[in-house]
């Protein structure tokens, strides 16, 4: 089975007003060329957008309720190459596999799930292809490493990259509990 490893470095642009600050990952992924993840690429009310662009990858965006600077899985929308993608997940499932985010892109079924209890380890799978995503390091040395197993294409890499700019804590039970309390405290703050 084919195996390739690609690494994207974290970057940030803190110029201008703090509402205009941008963060993300960028780098070169072998034959796929340059890839750049930007979050928040834009804001729409209380929702943030993460966007992926690159040499060969389709423009991919993920919009969801703002959780810090990243969008969350709450009220989420995904677009790949300008086409909307329906997202499904079972927020009440007890296992990480059961809580996986499911999507169908260009006729292929994908599952994005937590591969460990650690927040930075995720896996994107489809028939015959697996992309393992690991975010590691801190500060200026933070990186996103993609280990690709199987004959992946540009769409697979674009989906894996966009999810690096999404808050996916809800894919684990512990993360879902923390997100619930954070959302509750936010709502209490609004009503005061």
Protein backbone atom coordinates (compact mmCIF):
# COMPACT_ATOMS: atom_id res chain seq x y z
CA UNK A 1 0.00 0.00 0.00
CA UNK A 2 1.25 3.49 -0.89
CA UNK A 3 2.25 5.72 2.01
CA UNK A 4 3.23 9.39 1.87
CA UNK A 5 3.80 11.93 4.63
CA UNK A 6 3.27 15.67 4.19
CA UNK A 7 3.80 18.43 6.73
CA UNK A 8 2.19 21.88 6.89
CA UNK A 9 3.62 24.61 9.15
CA UNK A 10 1.39 26.86 11.23
CA UNK A 11 1.38 30.57 10.38
CA UNK A 12 -0.37 33.65 11.67
CA UNK A 13 -0.94 37.22 10.53
CA UNK A 14 -1.67 39.54 13.44
CA UNK A 15 -1.59 42.78 11.45
CA UNK A 16 -4.41 45.28 11.84
CA UNK A 17 -7.35 45.01 14.22
CA UNK A 18 -7.61 41.73 16.16
CA UNK A 19 -10.87 40.90 14.38
CA UNK A 20 -8.86 40.81 11.11
CA UNK A 21 -6.15 38.44 12.38
CA UNK A 22 -5.69 35.28 10.32
CA UNK A 23 -4.21 31.91 11.27
CA UNK A 24 -3.64 28.62 9.50
CA UNK A 25 -1.25 26.08 8.03
CA UNK A 26 0.73 26.14 4.78
CA UNK A 27 3.26 24.02 2.99
CA UNK A 28 3.96 21.78 0.03
CA UNK A 29 2.38 18.35 -0.24
CA UNK A 30 4.47 16.53 -2.85
CA UNK A 31 2.70 16.16 -6.20
CA UNK A 32 -0.30 18.15 -4.89
CA UNK A 33 1.81 21.31 -4.68
CA UNK A 34 1.22 24.16 -2.25
CA UNK A 35 -1.68 24.00 0.20
CA UNK A 36 -2.84 26.82 2.47
CA UNK A 37 -5.42 26.64 5.26
CA UNK A 38 -6.81 29.99 6.50
CA UNK A 39 -9.04 30.54 9.54
CA UNK A 40 -11.08 32.59 9.94
CA UNK A 41 -11.05 33.30 6.20
CA UNK A 42 -14.23 35.30 6.79
CA UNK A 43 -16.94 35.83 9.38
CA UNK A 44 -20.69 35.68 8.82
CA UNK A 45 -22.44 36.83 11.95
CA UNK A 46 -21.61 34.37 14.73
CA UNK A 47 -20.14 31.87 12.25
CA UNK A 48 -16.53 31.55 11.09
CA UNK A 49 -15.24 30.14 7.81
CA UNK A 50 -12.08 28.08 7.29
CA UNK A 51 -10.85 27.89 3.72
CA UNK A 52 -8.31 25.72 1.85
CA UNK A 53 -6.68 26.76 -1.41
CA UNK A 54 -3.77 25.31 -3.32
CA UNK A 55 -2.11 24.46 -6.59
CA UNK A 56 -4.18 21.36 -7.37
CA UNK A 57 -6.65 20.98 -4.47
CA UNK A 58 -10.24 22.17 -4.99
CA UNK A 59 -11.20 25.30 -3.03
CA UNK A 60 -12.78 23.91 0.12
CA UNK A 61 -14.54 25.84 2.87
CA UNK A 62 -16.07 24.89 6.20
CA UNK A 63 -18.47 27.26 7.99
CA UNK A 64 -19.74 26.71 11.53
CA UNK A 65 -20.58 28.43 14.79
CA UNK A 66 -17.49 30.30 15.97
CA UNK A 67 -15.54 28.57 18.73
CA UNK A 68 -12.56 30.83 19.26
CA UNK A 69 -11.17 31.62 15.82
CA UNK A 70 -12.19 28.30 14.25
CA UNK A 71 -15.63 27.16 13.17
CA UNK A 72 -17.14 24.29 15.15
CA UNK A 73 -19.28 21.34 14.06
CA UNK A 74 -22.36 23.17 15.42
CA UNK A 75 -24.55 24.46 12.54
CA UNK A 76 -21.85 23.45 10.05
CA UNK A 77 -21.69 23.67 6.26
CA UNK A 78 -19.01 22.26 3.96
CA UNK A 79 -18.33 23.25 0.35
CA UNK A 80 -15.87 21.47 -2.00
CA UNK A 81 -15.17 23.13 -5.34
CA UNK A 82 -18.27 25.31 -4.95
CA UNK A 83 -20.59 22.34 -4.30
CA UNK A 84 -22.33 22.04 -0.94
CA UNK A 85 -21.78 18.83 0.99
CA UNK A 86 -24.23 17.37 3.50
CA UNK A 87 -22.68 16.56 6.88
CA UNK A 88 -24.03 13.91 9.24
CA UNK A 89 -22.97 12.83 12.71
CA UNK A 90 -24.48 11.15 15.75
CA UNK A 91 -23.82 13.56 18.60
CA UNK A 92 -25.24 11.08 21.15
CA UNK A 93 -22.98 8.15 20.21
CA UNK A 94 -20.73 6.83 22.97
CA UNK A 95 -17.73 5.72 20.87
CA UNK A 96 -15.37 7.79 18.73
CA UNK A 97 -16.32 5.71 15.67
CA UNK A 98 -20.02 6.38 16.35
CA UNK A 99 -19.42 10.12 16.73
CA UNK A 100 -17.60 10.36 13.36
CA UNK A 101 -18.50 13.10 10.90
CA UNK A 102 -19.87 11.52 7.71
CA UNK A 103 -19.99 13.21 4.32
CA UNK A 104 -20.42 12.31 0.68
CA UNK A 105 -18.17 14.18 -1.78
CA UNK A 106 -18.10 13.50 -5.53
CA UNK A 107 -19.98 10.24 -4.97
CA UNK A 108 -17.55 8.93 -2.33
CA UNK A 109 -18.41 8.29 1.33
CA UNK A 110 -15.99 9.83 3.85
CA UNK A 111 -15.71 9.46 7.62
CA UNK A 112 -13.73 11.91 9.73
CA UNK A 113 -13.18 10.72 13.28
CA UNK A 114 -11.02 11.09 16.36
CA UNK A 115 -8.38 8.39 16.19
CA UNK A 116 -7.37 8.83 19.83
CA UNK A 117 -8.58 10.65 22.92
CA UNK A 118 -5.99 13.33 22.15
CA UNK A 119 -7.43 16.42 20.49
CA UNK A 120 -4.82 16.56 17.71
CA UNK A 121 -5.17 13.03 16.26
CA UNK A 122 -7.83 12.56 13.58
CA UNK A 123 -8.43 10.22 10.63
CA UNK A 124 -10.22 10.80 7.33
CA UNK A 125 -11.17 7.59 5.53
CA UNK A 126 -12.90 6.53 2.35
CA UNK A 127 -12.87 3.24 0.47
CA UNK A 128 -9.19 2.37 -0.08
CA UNK A 129 -7.73 5.63 1.32
CA UNK A 130 -6.87 6.76 4.83
CA UNK A 131 -5.41 10.14 5.79
CA UNK A 132 -4.09 10.38 9.35
CA UNK A 133 -3.91 13.95 10.62
CA UNK A 134 -1.78 14.88 13.60
CA UNK A 135 -1.43 18.43 14.93
CA UNK A 136 1.59 18.76 17.18
CA UNK A 137 4.08 21.24 18.57
CA UNK A 138 3.41 24.60 20.16
CA UNK A 139 3.72 28.25 19.26
CA UNK A 140 5.72 28.97 16.11
CA UNK A 141 6.74 25.28 15.86
CA UNK A 142 3.17 23.99 15.55
CA UNK A 143 2.64 21.67 12.57
CA UNK A 144 0.02 19.48 10.92
CA UNK A 145 1.31 16.15 9.63
CA UNK A 146 -0.67 14.12 7.09
CA UNK A 147 0.14 10.44 6.65
CA UNK A 148 -1.62 9.23 3.51
CA UNK A 149 -2.25 5.50 3.01
CA UNK A 150 -3.53 4.45 -0.39
CA UNK A 151 -4.06 6.26 -3.71
CA UNK A 152 -5.28 9.63 -2.40
CA UNK A 153 -6.26 12.49 -4.69
CA UNK A 154 -6.48 16.28 -4.29
CA UNK A 155 -10.02 16.13 -2.85
CA UNK A 156 -8.88 13.78 -0.06
CA UNK A 157 -6.08 16.16 0.89
CA UNK A 158 -8.33 19.24 0.70
CA UNK A 159 -10.85 17.65 3.09
CA UNK A 160 -8.12 16.62 5.54
CA UNK A 161 -6.56 20.09 5.39
CA UNK A 162 -9.80 22.03 5.92
CA UNK A 163 -10.54 19.98 9.05
CA UNK A 164 -7.25 21.22 10.58
CA UNK A 165 -8.93 24.62 10.78
CA UNK A 166 -12.12 23.32 12.41
CA UNK A 167 -12.77 22.78 16.10
CA UNK A 168 -13.59 19.06 16.20
CA UNK A 169 -13.59 18.47 19.95
CA UNK A 170 -17.15 17.14 19.72
CA UNK A 171 -15.82 13.99 18.05
CA UNK A 172 -14.85 12.70 21.51
CA UNK A 173 -17.17 12.44 24.51
CA UNK A 174 -14.87 14.49 26.73
CA UNK A 175 -14.57 17.20 24.09
CA UNK A 176 -18.34 17.27 23.65
CA UNK A 177 -18.83 17.84 27.39
CA UNK A 178 -16.29 20.70 27.39
CA UNK A 179 -17.91 22.25 24.30
CA UNK A 180 -21.37 22.00 25.91
CA UNK A 181 -20.25 23.89 29.00
CA UNK A 182 -18.42 26.51 26.94
CA UNK A 183 -21.54 27.05 24.78
CA UNK A 184 -23.75 27.24 27.87
CA UNK A 185 -21.52 29.84 29.50
CA UNK A 186 -21.51 31.82 26.26
CA UNK A 187 -25.31 31.82 26.15
CA UNK A 188 -25.54 32.85 29.81
CA UNK A 189 -23.21 35.75 29.06
CA UNK A 190 -25.47 36.87 26.17
CA UNK A 191 -28.58 37.02 28.36
CA UNK A 192 -27.06 39.16 31.12
